[in-house]
C-alpha atoms as a PDB file:
ATOM      1  CA  MET A   1      -2.618 -12.616 -36.566  1.00  0.00           C
ATOM      2  CA  THR A   2      -2.921 -14.465 -39.940  1.00  0.00           C
ATOM      3  CA  HIS A   3      -6.410 -15.267 -41.280  1.00  0.00           C
ATOM      4  CA  LEU A   4      -7.257 -18.813 -42.465  1.00  0.00           C
ATOM      5  CA  THR A   5      -7.261 -18.393 -46.338  1.00  0.00           C
ATOM      6  CA  LEU A   6      -8.440 -21.024 -48.054  1.00  0.00           C
ATOM      7  CA  ASP A   7      -4.976 -22.299 -49.418  1.00  0.00           C
ATOM      8  CA  LYS A   8      -4.026 -23.218 -45.533  1.00  0.00           C
ATOM      9  CA  LEU A   9      -7.141 -25.735 -45.516  1.00  0.00           C
ATOM     10  CA  PRO A  10      -5.411 -29.320 -46.391  1.00  0.00           C
ATOM     11  CA  LYS A  11      -5.742 -30.010 -50.196  1.00  0.00           C
ATOM     12  CA  LYS A  12      -8.196 -32.803 -49.493  1.00  0.00           C
ATOM     13  CA  VAL A  13     -10.882 -30.116 -47.813  1.00  0.00           C
ATOM     14  CA  LEU A  14      -9.864 -27.124 -50.383  1.00  0.00           C
ATOM     15  CA  ALA A  15     -10.414 -29.635 -53.266  1.00  0.00           C
ATOM     16  CA  ARG A  16     -14.381 -30.155 -52.396  1.00  0.00           C
ATOM     17  CA  ILE A  17     -15.273 -26.352 -51.594  1.00  0.00           C
ATOM     18  CA  ASP A  18     -15.952 -24.417 -54.682  1.00  0.00           C
ATOM     19  CA  LEU A  19     -17.461 -20.883 -55.075  1.00  0.00           C
ATOM     20  CA  GLN A  20     -21.311 -21.637 -54.092  1.00  0.00           C
ATOM     21  CA  THR A  21     -20.015 -24.190 -50.635  1.00  0.00           C
ATOM     22  CA  ALA A  22     -17.909 -21.418 -49.814  1.00  0.00           C
ATOM     23  CA  PHE A  23     -20.641 -19.367 -48.476  1.00  0.00           C
ATOM     24  CA  ALA A  24     -21.784 -22.078 -46.451  1.00  0.00           C
ATOM     25  CA  ALA A  25     -18.361 -23.195 -45.401  1.00  0.00           C
ATOM     26  CA  SER A  26     -17.386 -20.018 -44.502  1.00  0.00           C
ATOM     27  CA  ARG A  27     -21.313 -19.753 -42.445  1.00  0.00           C
ATOM     28  CA  CYS A  28     -20.345 -23.342 -40.123  1.00  0.00           C
ATOM     29  CA  VAL A  29     -16.976 -21.608 -39.092  1.00  0.00           C
ATOM     30  CA  ILE A  30     -18.680 -18.143 -37.740  1.00  0.00           C
ATOM     31  CA  ALA A  31     -21.278 -20.396 -36.234  1.00  0.00           C
ATOM     32  CA  ALA A  32     -18.352 -22.162 -34.286  1.00  0.00           C
ATOM     33  CA  GLU A  33     -16.860 -18.979 -33.417  1.00  0.00           C
ATOM     34  CA  ARG A  34     -20.319 -17.422 -32.326  1.00  0.00           C
ATOM     35  CA  LEU A  35     -20.926 -20.467 -30.122  1.00  0.00           C
ATOM     36  CA  GLN A  36     -17.108 -21.282 -28.974  1.00  0.00           C
ATOM     37  CA  LEU A  37     -16.706 -24.202 -30.207  1.00  0.00           C
ATOM     38  CA  PHE A  38     -13.549 -23.799 -31.042  1.00  0.00           C
ATOM     39  CA  ARG A  39     -12.272 -22.785 -27.255  1.00  0.00           C
ATOM     40  CA  LYS A  40     -14.964 -25.056 -25.655  1.00  0.00           C
ATOM     41  CA  LEU A  41     -12.208 -28.014 -27.014  1.00  0.00           C
ATOM     42  CA  HIS A  42      -9.238 -26.258 -26.754  1.00  0.00           C
ATOM     43  CA  GLY A  43      -6.696 -28.322 -25.038  1.00  0.00           C
ATOM     44  CA  ARG A  44      -9.112 -30.965 -24.640  1.00  0.00           C
ATOM     45  CA  LYS A  45     -11.548 -34.268 -25.770  1.00  0.00           C
ATOM     46  CA  LEU A  46     -14.982 -34.504 -25.374  1.00  0.00           C
ATOM     47  CA  THR A  47     -18.014 -36.465 -26.570  1.00  0.00           C
ATOM     48  CA  ALA A  48     -20.601 -35.039 -28.691  1.00  0.00           C
ATOM     49  CA  ALA A  49     -22.975 -35.328 -25.390  1.00  0.00           C
ATOM     50  CA  ALA A  50     -20.890 -33.528 -23.313  1.00  0.00           C
ATOM     51  CA  LEU A  51     -19.751 -30.599 -25.810  1.00  0.00           C
ATOM     52  CA  GLY A  52     -23.567 -30.077 -27.203  1.00  0.00           C
ATOM     53  CA  ARG A  53     -23.792 -29.520 -23.686  1.00  0.00           C
ATOM     54  CA  LYS A  54     -21.214 -26.806 -23.748  1.00  0.00           C
ATOM     55  CA  ILE A  55     -22.631 -24.874 -26.308  1.00  0.00           C
ATOM     56  CA  GLY A  56     -26.441 -25.579 -26.414  1.00  0.00           C
ATOM     57  CA  ILE A  57     -26.944 -28.002 -29.324  1.00  0.00           C
ATOM     58  CA  THR A  58     -28.848 -31.048 -29.040  1.00  0.00           C
ATOM     59  CA  GLY A  59     -30.126 -33.862 -31.272  1.00  0.00           C
ATOM     60  CA  TRP A  60     -28.278 -34.546 -34.779  1.00  0.00           C
ATOM     61  CA  ARG A  61     -28.087 -30.956 -35.588  1.00  0.00           C
ATOM     62  CA  LEU A  62     -24.507 -31.586 -32.931  1.00  0.00           C
ATOM     63  CA  GLU A  63     -23.717 -34.690 -35.428  1.00  0.00           C
ATOM     64  CA  ALA A  64     -24.079 -32.569 -38.716  1.00  0.00           C
ATOM     65  CA  PHE A  65     -22.517 -29.996 -37.352  1.00  0.00           C
ATOM     66  CA  LEU A  66     -19.643 -31.374 -36.267  1.00  0.00           C
ATOM     67  CA  ASN A  67     -19.477 -33.347 -39.399  1.00  0.00           C
ATOM     68  CA  ALA A  68     -19.296 -29.829 -41.244  1.00  0.00           C
ATOM     69  CA  LEU A  69     -16.206 -28.991 -39.082  1.00  0.00           C
ATOM     70  CA  ILE A  70     -14.495 -32.176 -39.562  1.00  0.00           C
ATOM     71  CA  GLY A  71     -14.965 -31.869 -43.121  1.00  0.00           C
ATOM     72  CA  LEU A  72     -13.243 -28.530 -43.313  1.00  0.00           C
ATOM     73  CA  GLY A  73     -10.080 -29.998 -40.950  1.00  0.00           C
ATOM     74  CA  LEU A  74     -11.192 -27.846 -38.302  1.00  0.00           C
ATOM     75  CA  VAL A  75     -12.403 -30.369 -35.755  1.00  0.00           C
ATOM     76  CA  ARG A  76     -11.206 -34.048 -35.482  1.00  0.00           C
ATOM     77  CA  LYS A  77     -12.485 -36.736 -34.061  1.00  0.00           C
ATOM     78  CA  SER A  78     -10.912 -40.214 -32.926  1.00  0.00           C
ATOM     79  CA  GLY A  79     -13.483 -42.417 -31.219  1.00  0.00           C
ATOM     80  CA  ASP A  80     -16.378 -41.153 -29.253  1.00  0.00           C
ATOM     81  CA  LEU A  81     -14.145 -38.322 -29.027  1.00  0.00           C
ATOM     82  CA  TYR A  82     -13.396 -34.519 -30.765  1.00  0.00           C
ATOM     83  CA  SER A  83     -10.663 -31.865 -30.265  1.00  0.00           C
ATOM     84  CA  ASN A  84      -9.487 -29.927 -32.709  1.00  0.00           C
ATOM     85  CA  THR A  85      -6.698 -29.894 -35.158  1.00  0.00           C
ATOM     86  CA  ARG A  86      -3.366 -28.180 -35.053  1.00  0.00           C
ATOM     87  CA  LEU A  87      -4.624 -25.952 -38.096  1.00  0.00           C
ATOM     88  CA  CYS A  88      -7.942 -25.003 -35.851  1.00  0.00           C
ATOM     89  CA  ASP A  89      -5.808 -23.963 -32.639  1.00  0.00           C
ATOM     90  CA  LYS A  90      -3.519 -21.852 -34.505  1.00  0.00           C
ATOM     91  CA  HIS A  91      -5.476 -19.313 -36.018  1.00  0.00           C
ATOM     92  CA  TYR A  92      -8.793 -19.481 -34.059  1.00  0.00           C
ATOM     93  CA  ILE A  93      -7.044 -20.175 -30.610  1.00  0.00           C
ATOM     94  CA  ARG A  94      -3.359 -18.960 -30.592  1.00  0.00           C
ATOM     95  CA  GLU A  95      -3.427 -16.219 -32.940  1.00  0.00           C
ATOM     96  CA  ARG A  96      -7.428 -14.813 -31.702  1.00  0.00           C
ATOM     97  CA  SER A  97      -8.131 -12.489 -28.425  1.00  0.00           C
ATOM     98  CA  ILE A  98     -11.411 -14.064 -26.790  1.00  0.00           C
ATOM     99  CA  ASN A  99     -12.322 -10.567 -27.529  1.00  0.00           C
ATOM    100  CA  TRP A 100     -11.612 -11.343 -31.274  1.00  0.00           C
ATOM    101  CA  THR A 101     -13.814 -14.196 -31.419  1.00  0.00           C
ATOM    102  CA  ARG A 102     -16.768 -12.213 -29.852  1.00  0.00           C
ATOM    103  CA  LEU A 103     -16.969  -9.211 -31.358  1.00  0.00           C
ATOM    104  CA  TYR A 104     -15.713 -10.177 -34.975  1.00  0.00           C
ATOM    105  CA  SER A 105     -18.152 -12.881 -35.507  1.00  0.00           C
ATOM    106  CA  SER A 106     -21.235 -11.226 -35.048  1.00  0.00           C
ATOM    107  CA  GLU A 107     -19.238  -8.810 -37.394  1.00  0.00           C
ATOM    108  CA  CYS A 108     -19.190 -11.645 -39.738  1.00  0.00           C
ATOM    109  CA  VAL A 109     -23.152 -12.220 -39.393  1.00  0.00           C
ATOM    110  CA  ASP A 110     -23.774  -8.326 -40.493  1.00  0.00           C
ATOM    111  CA  GLU A 111     -21.664  -8.991 -43.786  1.00  0.00           C
ATOM    112  CA  TYR A 112     -23.791 -11.906 -44.571  1.00  0.00           C
ATOM    113  CA  GLN A 113     -27.043 -10.452 -44.151  1.00  0.00           C
ATOM    114  CA  ALA A 114     -25.549  -7.375 -46.093  1.00  0.00           C
ATOM    115  CA  LEU A 115     -25.330 -10.120 -48.998  1.00  0.00           C
ATOM    116  CA  LEU A 116     -28.960 -12.180 -48.375  1.00  0.00           C
ATOM    117  CA  PRO A 117     -30.603  -9.343 -50.608  1.00  0.00           C
ATOM    118  CA  LEU A 118     -27.816  -8.294 -52.737  1.00  0.00           C
ATOM    119  CA  GLU A 119     -30.174  -8.712 -56.255  1.00  0.00           C
ATOM    120  CA  GLU A 120     -32.202  -6.617 -54.645  1.00  0.00           C
ATOM    121  CA  MET A 121     -29.813  -3.725 -53.437  1.00  0.00           C
ATOM    122  CA  LEU A 122     -27.940  -4.213 -56.798  1.00  0.00           C
ATOM    123  CA  THR A 123     -31.213  -3.576 -58.812  1.00  0.00           C
ATOM    124  CA  THR A 124     -33.147  -0.986 -56.509  1.00  0.00           C
ATOM    125  CA  GLU A 125     -30.596   0.966 -54.685  1.00  0.00           C
ATOM    126  CA  ARG A 126     -32.141  -0.136 -51.138  1.00  0.00           C
ATOM    127  CA  SER A 127     -30.034  -0.488 -48.389  1.00  0.00           C
ATOM    128  CA  TYR A 128     -30.113  -4.002 -47.243  1.00  0.00           C
ATOM    129  CA  GLN A 129     -31.183  -2.835 -43.458  1.00  0.00           C
ATOM    130  CA  SER A 130     -33.965  -1.171 -45.372  1.00  0.00           C
ATOM    131  CA  ILE A 131     -34.481  -4.546 -47.577  1.00  0.00           C
ATOM    132  CA  LEU A 132     -34.889  -6.999 -44.454  1.00  0.00           C
ATOM    133  CA  GLY A 133     -35.962  -3.971 -42.112  1.00  0.00           C
ATOM    134  CA  ILE A 134     -33.628  -3.278 -38.934  1.00  0.00           C
ATOM    135  CA  LYS A 135     -31.392  -0.664 -38.049  1.00  0.00           C
ATOM    136  CA  ARG A 136     -27.523  -1.622 -37.761  1.00  0.00           C
ATOM    137  CA  LYS A 137     -25.673   0.987 -34.957  1.00  0.00           C
ATOM    138  CA  ASP A 138     -22.456   2.429 -36.172  1.00  0.00           C
ATOM    139  CA  TYR A 139     -19.632   1.699 -33.894  1.00  0.00           C
ATOM    140  CA  VAL A 140     -19.484   4.873 -31.956  1.00  0.00           C
ATOM    141  CA  GLN A 141     -22.885   4.466 -31.125  1.00  0.00           C
ATOM    142  CA  MET A 142     -22.432   0.549 -30.329  1.00  0.00           C
ATOM    143  CA  MET A 143     -20.006   1.145 -28.149  1.00  0.00           C
ATOM    144  CA  LYS A 144     -22.339   3.726 -26.051  1.00  0.00           C
ATOM    145  CA  ASP A 145     -24.799   1.400 -25.420  1.00  0.00           C
ATOM    146  CA  ASP A 146     -22.981  -1.856 -24.400  1.00  0.00           C
ATOM    147  CA  PRO A 147     -20.100  -2.265 -22.190  1.00  0.00           C
ATOM    148  CA  GLN A 148     -19.404  -5.335 -22.661  1.00  0.00           C
ATOM    149  CA  ALA A 149     -19.396  -4.287 -26.744  1.00  0.00           C
ATOM    150  CA  ALA A 150     -16.713  -1.126 -26.024  1.00  0.00           C
ATOM    151  CA  HIS A 151     -14.653  -4.213 -23.852  1.00  0.00           C
ATOM    152  CA  ASP A 152     -14.220  -6.148 -26.645  1.00  0.00           C
ATOM    153  CA  PHE A 153     -13.609  -4.161 -29.397  1.00  0.00           C
ATOM    154  CA  THR A 154     -11.016  -2.030 -27.319  1.00  0.00           C
ATOM    155  CA  HIS A 155      -8.663  -5.300 -26.679  1.00  0.00           C
ATOM    156  CA  MET A 156     -10.068  -7.038 -29.878  1.00  0.00           C
ATOM    157  CA  LEU A 157      -7.843  -3.984 -31.548  1.00  0.00           C
ATOM    158  CA  TYR A 158      -5.077  -4.155 -28.690  1.00  0.00           C
ATOM    159  CA  TYR A 159      -4.245  -7.381 -29.590  1.00  0.00           C
ATOM    160  CA  ASP A 160      -5.112  -7.358 -33.540  1.00  0.00           C
ATOM    161  CA  HIS A 161      -3.133  -4.291 -34.321  1.00  0.00           C
ATOM    162  CA  GLN A 162       0.545  -5.271 -32.326  1.00  0.00           C
ATOM    163  CA  THR A 163       2.257  -5.962 -35.535  1.00  0.00           C
ATOM    164  CA  LYS A 164       0.888  -2.576 -36.945  1.00  0.00           C
ATOM    165  CA  ALA A 165       2.094  -0.927 -33.519  1.00  0.00           C
ATOM    166  CA  THR A 166       5.577  -1.903 -34.471  1.00  0.00           C
ATOM    167  CA  ALA A 167       5.880  -1.104 -38.151  1.00  0.00           C
ATOM    168  CA  LEU A 168       4.308   2.478 -37.439  1.00  0.00           C
ATOM    169  CA  ALA A 169       6.630   2.714 -34.641  1.00  0.00           C
ATOM    170  CA  ASP A 170       9.805   1.541 -36.861  1.00  0.00           C
ATOM    171  CA  TYR A 171       8.338   3.681 -39.833  1.00  0.00           C
ATOM    172  CA  LEU A 172       8.221   6.854 -38.422  1.00  0.00           C
ATOM    173  CA  ASP A 173      10.812   9.937 -37.215  1.00  0.00           C
ATOM    174  CA  LEU A 174       9.540  11.735 -34.187  1.00  0.00           C
ATOM    175  CA  ARG A 175      13.068  12.564 -32.838  1.00  0.00           C
ATOM    176  CA  LYS A 176      11.786  16.183 -33.677  1.00  0.00           C
ATOM    177  CA  HIS A 177       8.627  15.679 -32.413  1.00  0.00           C
ATOM    178  CA  HIS A 178       7.164  15.472 -28.734  1.00  0.00           C
ATOM    179  CA  ARG A 179       3.582  15.722 -28.395  1.00  0.00           C
ATOM    180  CA  VAL A 180       1.101  12.798 -30.074  1.00  0.00           C
ATOM    181  CA  LEU A 181      -2.338  13.292 -30.295  1.00  0.00           C
ATOM    182  CA  ASP A 182      -4.045   9.803 -30.632  1.00  0.00           C
ATOM    183  CA  VAL A 183      -7.729  10.877 -32.108  1.00  0.00           C
ATOM    184  CA  GLY A 184     -10.229   7.612 -31.849  1.00  0.00           C
ATOM    185  CA  GLY A 185      -7.058   6.283 -30.654  1.00  0.00           C
ATOM    186  CA  GLY A 186      -9.300   3.306 -28.792  1.00  0.00           C
ATOM    187  CA  SER A 187      -6.989   0.862 -26.769  1.00  0.00           C
ATOM    188  CA  GLY A 188      -4.040   3.113 -27.564  1.00  0.00           C
ATOM    189  CA  VAL A 189      -2.051   0.194 -28.858  1.00  0.00           C
ATOM    190  CA  MET A 190      -0.802   2.613 -31.783  1.00  0.00           C
ATOM    191  CA  SER A 191       0.820   5.363 -29.038  1.00  0.00           C
ATOM    192  CA  ILE A 192       2.118   2.336 -27.021  1.00  0.00           C
ATOM    193  CA  GLY A 193       4.452   1.541 -29.119  1.00  0.00           C
ATOM    194  CA  LEU A 194       5.339   4.928 -30.205  1.00  0.00           C
ATOM    195  CA  VAL A 195       6.320   5.861 -26.979  1.00  0.00           C
ATOM    196  CA  ARG A 196       8.282   2.498 -25.615  1.00  0.00           C
ATOM    197  CA  LYS A 197      10.488   3.402 -29.481  1.00  0.00           C
ATOM    198  CA  ASN A 198      10.639   7.528 -28.650  1.00  0.00           C
ATOM    199  CA  ARG A 199      11.415   8.138 -24.921  1.00  0.00           C
ATOM    200  CA  HIS A 200      10.771  11.624 -24.942  1.00  0.00           C
ATOM    201  CA  LEU A 201       8.042  11.437 -26.431  1.00  0.00           C
ATOM    202  CA  GLU A 202       4.419  12.224 -24.373  1.00  0.00           C
ATOM    203  CA  ALA A 203       1.307  10.857 -26.016  1.00  0.00           C
ATOM    204  CA  CYS A 204      -2.728  11.508 -25.941  1.00  0.00           C
ATOM    205  CA  ILE A 205      -5.839   9.160 -26.545  1.00  0.00           C
ATOM    206  CA  PHE A 206      -8.431  10.732 -27.716  1.00  0.00           C
ATOM    207  CA  ASP A 207     -11.916   8.950 -27.444  1.00  0.00           C
ATOM    208  CA  ILE A 208     -15.546   8.506 -26.407  1.00  0.00           C
ATOM    209  CA  GLU A 209     -15.687   7.622 -22.679  1.00  0.00           C
ATOM    210  CA  PRO A 210     -16.492   4.028 -22.700  1.00  0.00           C
ATOM    211  CA  VAL A 211     -13.707   2.999 -24.898  1.00  0.00           C
ATOM    212  CA  LEU A 212     -11.181   5.060 -23.091  1.00  0.00           C
ATOM    213  CA  ALA A 213     -12.793   3.632 -19.881  1.00  0.00           C
ATOM    214  CA  VAL A 214     -10.825  -0.264 -20.944  1.00  0.00           C
ATOM    215  CA  THR A 215      -8.148   2.319 -22.506  1.00  0.00           C
ATOM    216  CA  SER A 216      -7.258   3.468 -18.971  1.00  0.00           C
ATOM    217  CA  LYS A 217      -7.067  -0.006 -17.124  1.00  0.00           C
ATOM    218  CA  ILE A 218      -4.519  -0.972 -20.674  1.00  0.00           C
ATOM    219  CA  LEU A 219      -2.348   1.704 -19.931  1.00  0.00           C
ATOM    220  CA  ARG A 220      -1.846   0.981 -16.210  1.00  0.00           C
ATOM    221  CA  ARG A 221      -1.296  -2.465 -17.042  1.00  0.00           C
ATOM    222  CA  GLU A 222       1.130  -1.036 -19.499  1.00  0.00           C
ATOM    223  CA  LYS A 223       2.930   1.094 -16.334  1.00  0.00           C
ATOM    224  CA  LEU A 224       2.301   3.688 -19.008  1.00  0.00           C
ATOM    225  CA  SER A 225      -0.326   6.173 -17.523  1.00  0.00           C
ATOM    226  CA  GLY A 226       2.431   8.748 -16.521  1.00  0.00           C
ATOM    227  CA  ARG A 227       3.371   9.358 -20.260  1.00  0.00           C
ATOM    228  CA  ILE A 228       0.185   8.936 -22.203  1.00  0.00           C
ATOM    229  CA  LYS A 229      -3.062  10.620 -21.093  1.00  0.00           C
ATOM    230  CA  VAL A 230      -6.639  10.182 -22.301  1.00  0.00           C
ATOM    231  CA  LEU A 231      -8.953  12.895 -23.472  1.00  0.00           C
ATOM    232  CA  VAL A 232     -12.666  12.566 -23.876  1.00  0.00           C
ATOM    233  CA  GLY A 233     -14.171  14.354 -26.809  1.00  0.00           C
ATOM    234  CA  ASP A 234     -15.520  13.648 -30.147  1.00  0.00           C
ATOM    235  CA  MET A 235     -13.361  14.082 -33.364  1.00  0.00           C
ATOM    236  CA  THR A 236     -15.978  15.333 -35.411  1.00  0.00           C
ATOM    237  CA  ARG A 237     -16.791  18.282 -32.494  1.00  0.00           C
ATOM    238  CA  MET A 238     -13.287  19.417 -32.503  1.00  0.00           C
ATOM    239  CA  ILE A 239      -9.765  18.445 -32.384  1.00  0.00           C
ATOM    240  CA  PRO A 240      -7.610  20.015 -29.286  1.00  0.00           C
ATOM    241  CA  LYS A 241      -4.828  22.003 -29.874  1.00  0.00           C
ATOM    242  CA  GLY A 242      -1.186  21.431 -27.757  1.00  0.00           C
ATOM    243  CA  PHE A 243       0.510  18.786 -30.213  1.00  0.00           C
ATOM    244  CA  ASP A 244       3.038  18.614 -33.027  1.00  0.00           C
ATOM    245  CA  VAL A 245       1.869  15.597 -33.854  1.00  0.00           C
ATOM    246  CA  ILE A 246      -1.949  13.932 -34.613  1.00  0.00           C
ATOM    247  CA  MET A 247      -2.663  10.768 -35.835  1.00  0.00           C
ATOM    248  CA  LEU A 248      -5.674   9.084 -37.035  1.00  0.00           C
ATOM    249  CA  CYS A 249      -5.001   5.157 -37.034  1.00  0.00           C
ATOM    250  CA  ASP A 250      -8.366   2.920 -38.674  1.00  0.00           C
ATOM    251  CA  ALA A 251     -10.426   6.368 -37.154  1.00  0.00           C
ATOM    252  CA  GLY A 252     -11.572   8.172 -40.513  1.00  0.00           C
ATOM    253  CA  ASN A 253     -10.074  11.110 -41.974  1.00  0.00           C
ATOM    254  CA  SER A 254     -13.625  12.757 -43.643  1.00  0.00           C
ATOM    255  CA  ASP A 255     -12.725  16.537 -45.015  1.00  0.00           C
ATOM    256  CA  ALA A 256     -13.844  17.628 -42.103  1.00  0.00           C
ATOM    257  CA  VAL A 257     -11.821  16.154 -39.537  1.00  0.00           C
ATOM    258  CA  LEU A 258      -9.121  16.706 -41.901  1.00  0.00           C
ATOM    259  CA  SER A 259      -9.706  20.704 -41.648  1.00  0.00           C
ATOM    260  CA  LYS A 260     -10.166  20.315 -37.961  1.00  0.00           C
ATOM    261  CA  VAL A 261      -6.645  18.506 -37.819  1.00  0.00           C
ATOM    262  CA  TRP A 262      -5.038  21.007 -39.529  1.00  0.00           C
ATOM    263  CA  GLN A 263      -6.277  24.022 -37.713  1.00  0.00           C
ATOM    264  CA  SER A 264      -5.053  22.140 -34.388  1.00  0.00           C
ATOM    265  CA  LEU A 265      -1.670  21.759 -35.253  1.00  0.00           C
ATOM    266  CA  PRO A 266       1.038  24.190 -35.149  1.00  0.00           C
ATOM    267  CA  GLU A 267       3.111  25.145 -37.910  1.00  0.00           C
ATOM    268  CA  GLY A 268       6.307  22.470 -38.959  1.00  0.00           C
ATOM    269  CA  GLY A 269       3.289  19.802 -37.192  1.00  0.00           C
ATOM    270  CA  MET A 270       2.650  16.209 -38.616  1.00  0.00           C
ATOM    271  CA  LEU A 271      -0.871  14.199 -39.519  1.00  0.00           C
ATOM    272  CA  VAL A 272      -0.310  10.776 -39.505  1.00  0.00           C
ATOM    273  CA  LEU A 273      -2.997   8.767 -41.134  1.00  0.00           C
ATOM    274  CA  ALA A 274      -2.908   5.008 -40.951  1.00  0.00           C
ATOM    275  CA  GLU A 275      -4.863   2.524 -41.995  1.00  0.00           C
ATOM    276  CA  ASP A 276      -5.379  -0.424 -44.751  1.00  0.00           C
ATOM    277  CA  PHE A 277      -5.993   2.152 -47.955  1.00  0.00           C
ATOM    278  CA  SER A 278      -7.711   0.650 -51.073  1.00  0.00           C
ATOM    279  CA  ASN A 279      -5.115  -1.075 -52.928  1.00  0.00           C
ATOM    280  CA  ASP A 280      -5.418  -2.739 -56.649  1.00  0.00           C
ATOM    281  CA  SER A 281      -4.677  -6.354 -54.520  1.00  0.00           C
ATOM    282  CA  LEU A 282      -7.188  -9.825 -56.070  1.00  0.00           C
ATOM    283  CA  THR A 283      -9.448  -9.341 -52.756  1.00  0.00           C
ATOM    284  CA  ASP A 284      -9.776  -5.559 -53.105  1.00  0.00           C
ATOM    285  CA  PRO A 285     -12.678  -5.645 -54.919  1.00  0.00           C
ATOM    286  CA  PHE A 286     -15.007  -7.985 -52.538  1.00  0.00           C
ATOM    287  CA  TYR A 287     -13.642  -6.005 -49.717  1.00  0.00           C
ATOM    288  CA  ARG A 288     -14.915  -2.569 -51.399  1.00  0.00           C
ATOM    289  CA  LEU A 289     -18.087  -4.496 -52.022  1.00  0.00           C
ATOM    290  CA  MET A 290     -18.796  -5.720 -48.657  1.00  0.00           C
ATOM    291  CA  TRP A 291     -17.241  -2.215 -47.375  1.00  0.00           C
ATOM    292  CA  GLN A 292     -20.359  -0.350 -49.612  1.00  0.00           C
ATOM    293  CA  LEU A 293     -22.862  -2.836 -48.951  1.00  0.00           C
ATOM    294  CA  ARG A 294     -23.092  -2.789 -44.581  1.00  0.00           C
ATOM    295  CA  SER A 295     -22.912   1.440 -45.231  1.00  0.00           C
ATOM    296  CA  ASN A 296     -24.465   2.042 -48.773  1.00  0.00           C
ATOM    297  CA  GLU A 297     -22.094   4.411 -49.702  1.00  0.00           C
ATOM    298  CA  PHE A 298     -19.554   4.972 -52.703  1.00  0.00           C
ATOM    299  CA  TRP A 299     -16.578   6.526 -51.482  1.00  0.00           C
ATOM    300  CA  LEU A 300     -13.660   3.993 -50.237  1.00  0.00           C
ATOM    301  CA  PRO A 301     -10.798   6.295 -50.416  1.00  0.00           C
ATOM    302  CA  THR A 302      -7.597   4.857 -52.093  1.00  0.00           C
ATOM    303  CA  ALA A 303      -4.519   5.978 -50.690  1.00  0.00           C
ATOM    304  CA  LYS A 304      -3.835   8.163 -53.855  1.00  0.00           C
ATOM    305  CA  GLN A 305      -7.316  10.125 -53.053  1.00  0.00           C
ATOM    306  CA  THR A 306      -6.620  10.583 -49.588  1.00  0.00           C
ATOM    307  CA  ILE A 307      -3.370  12.377 -50.623  1.00  0.00           C
ATOM    308  CA  SER A 308      -5.455  13.989 -52.699  1.00  0.00           C
ATOM    309  CA  ARG A 309      -7.784  15.226 -50.040  1.00  0.00           C
ATOM    310  CA  VAL A 310      -4.615  15.707 -47.749  1.00  0.00           C
ATOM    311  CA  ARG A 311      -2.999  18.592 -49.811  1.00  0.00           C
ATOM    312  CA  GLU A 312      -6.145  19.958 -50.732  1.00  0.00           C
ATOM    313  CA  CYS A 313      -6.292  21.000 -46.980  1.00  0.00           C
ATOM    314  CA  GLY A 314      -3.272  22.945 -47.018  1.00  0.00           C
ATOM    315  CA  PHE A 315      -0.931  19.946 -46.282  1.00  0.00           C
ATOM    316  CA  ARG A 316       2.937  19.794 -47.625  1.00  0.00           C
ATOM    317  CA  ARG A 317       5.462  17.221 -48.258  1.00  0.00           C
ATOM    318  CA  VAL A 318       3.064  14.240 -48.172  1.00  0.00           C
ATOM    319  CA  ARG A 319       4.273  10.706 -48.253  1.00  0.00           C
ATOM    320  CA  HIS A 320       2.941   7.213 -48.941  1.00  0.00           C
ATOM    321  CA  LYS A 321       4.465   4.076 -48.204  1.00  0.00           C
ATOM    322  CA  ARG A 322       2.374   0.898 -47.443  1.00  0.00           C
ATOM    323  CA  ILE A 323       4.038  -0.642 -44.079  1.00  0.00           C
ATOM    324  CA  HIS A 324       2.352  -3.939 -43.001  1.00  0.00           C
ATOM    325  CA  PRO A 325       0.657  -5.631 -45.382  1.00  0.00           C
ATOM    326  CA  ARG A 326      -2.998  -4.951 -43.875  1.00  0.00           C
ATOM    327  CA  MET A 327      -1.468  -0.470 -43.505  1.00  0.00           C
ATOM    328  CA  GLY A 328      -0.449   2.231 -44.931  1.00  0.00           C
ATOM    329  CA  ILE A 329       1.022   5.398 -43.829  1.00  0.00           C
ATOM    330  CA  ILE A 330       0.356   8.709 -45.022  1.00  0.00           C
ATOM    331  CA  THR A 331       2.902  11.908 -43.520  1.00  0.00           C
ATOM    332  CA  ALA A 332       2.241  15.265 -44.046  1.00  0.00           C
ATOM    333  CA  HIS A 333       2.872  18.503 -42.677  1.00  0.00           C
ATOM    334  CA  LYS A 334       2.172  21.905 -41.611  1.00  0.00           C
END
């Protein structure tokens, strides 16, 4: 999946967006996503009144909102009928699942909230939650409390991580390994990629029950329930033994978790860490700022820092390689 970055917009649209109006433009897109406006228009041409009934907007606000989306090159108007542009269909329909639309657009609103009191956060060191008087659930709690969120989150990652899973399976040499524990494996997309590439391999997805309820359905659909099992558990409490590869893909890798992985692996066992480790790209400072504001924490480790922590746990033969535009791999052995 590719993101709709500003350079992909028509030049006449891009020319009208400056750093201050970019926030408003972005917020309009997220509102359209949350209202599922693009999906209501997909393959259709609707009048403003018909579209308004579908998304719950009436009066002058509807026309103003549609004009903003037309101005961004995402919606077109022909006579009295509105439809998606090809640019919109590419980035917001064909390359995104409905699960991504529902969940990611809500996450974006959380990020906007974190930016609103930016000056006060910078000068008082308070979190945006305390300033705005809100309480934000972490992912684990959200999955436990909301089955729909667990369904959307798990399916979102399943579809979004397909190319990452292929890159991971192509990169790892698992000919001498037989059992993989996918800690915090969610949808199982990474394990699915590995077992399809390595016919001798078995895998187990270790995660919380609401997520695994969705994962089990995915595995049955993919006809892989016989080779990939699921196991309910909490990685902060224990890591199961009996596996010669333990993998954490975008699942967090605190010192405590890394230590538990070390204790659970047999001699010669492999640790696999897969995530978009912080780097020196142009956008990285903004990503780091958003992550730190939302979590109210300074720590966002780079690959170099993570490698150092892995070695401190006792692992050897530590290697790092970026195998995908949005994913790096660290491998290490006990």
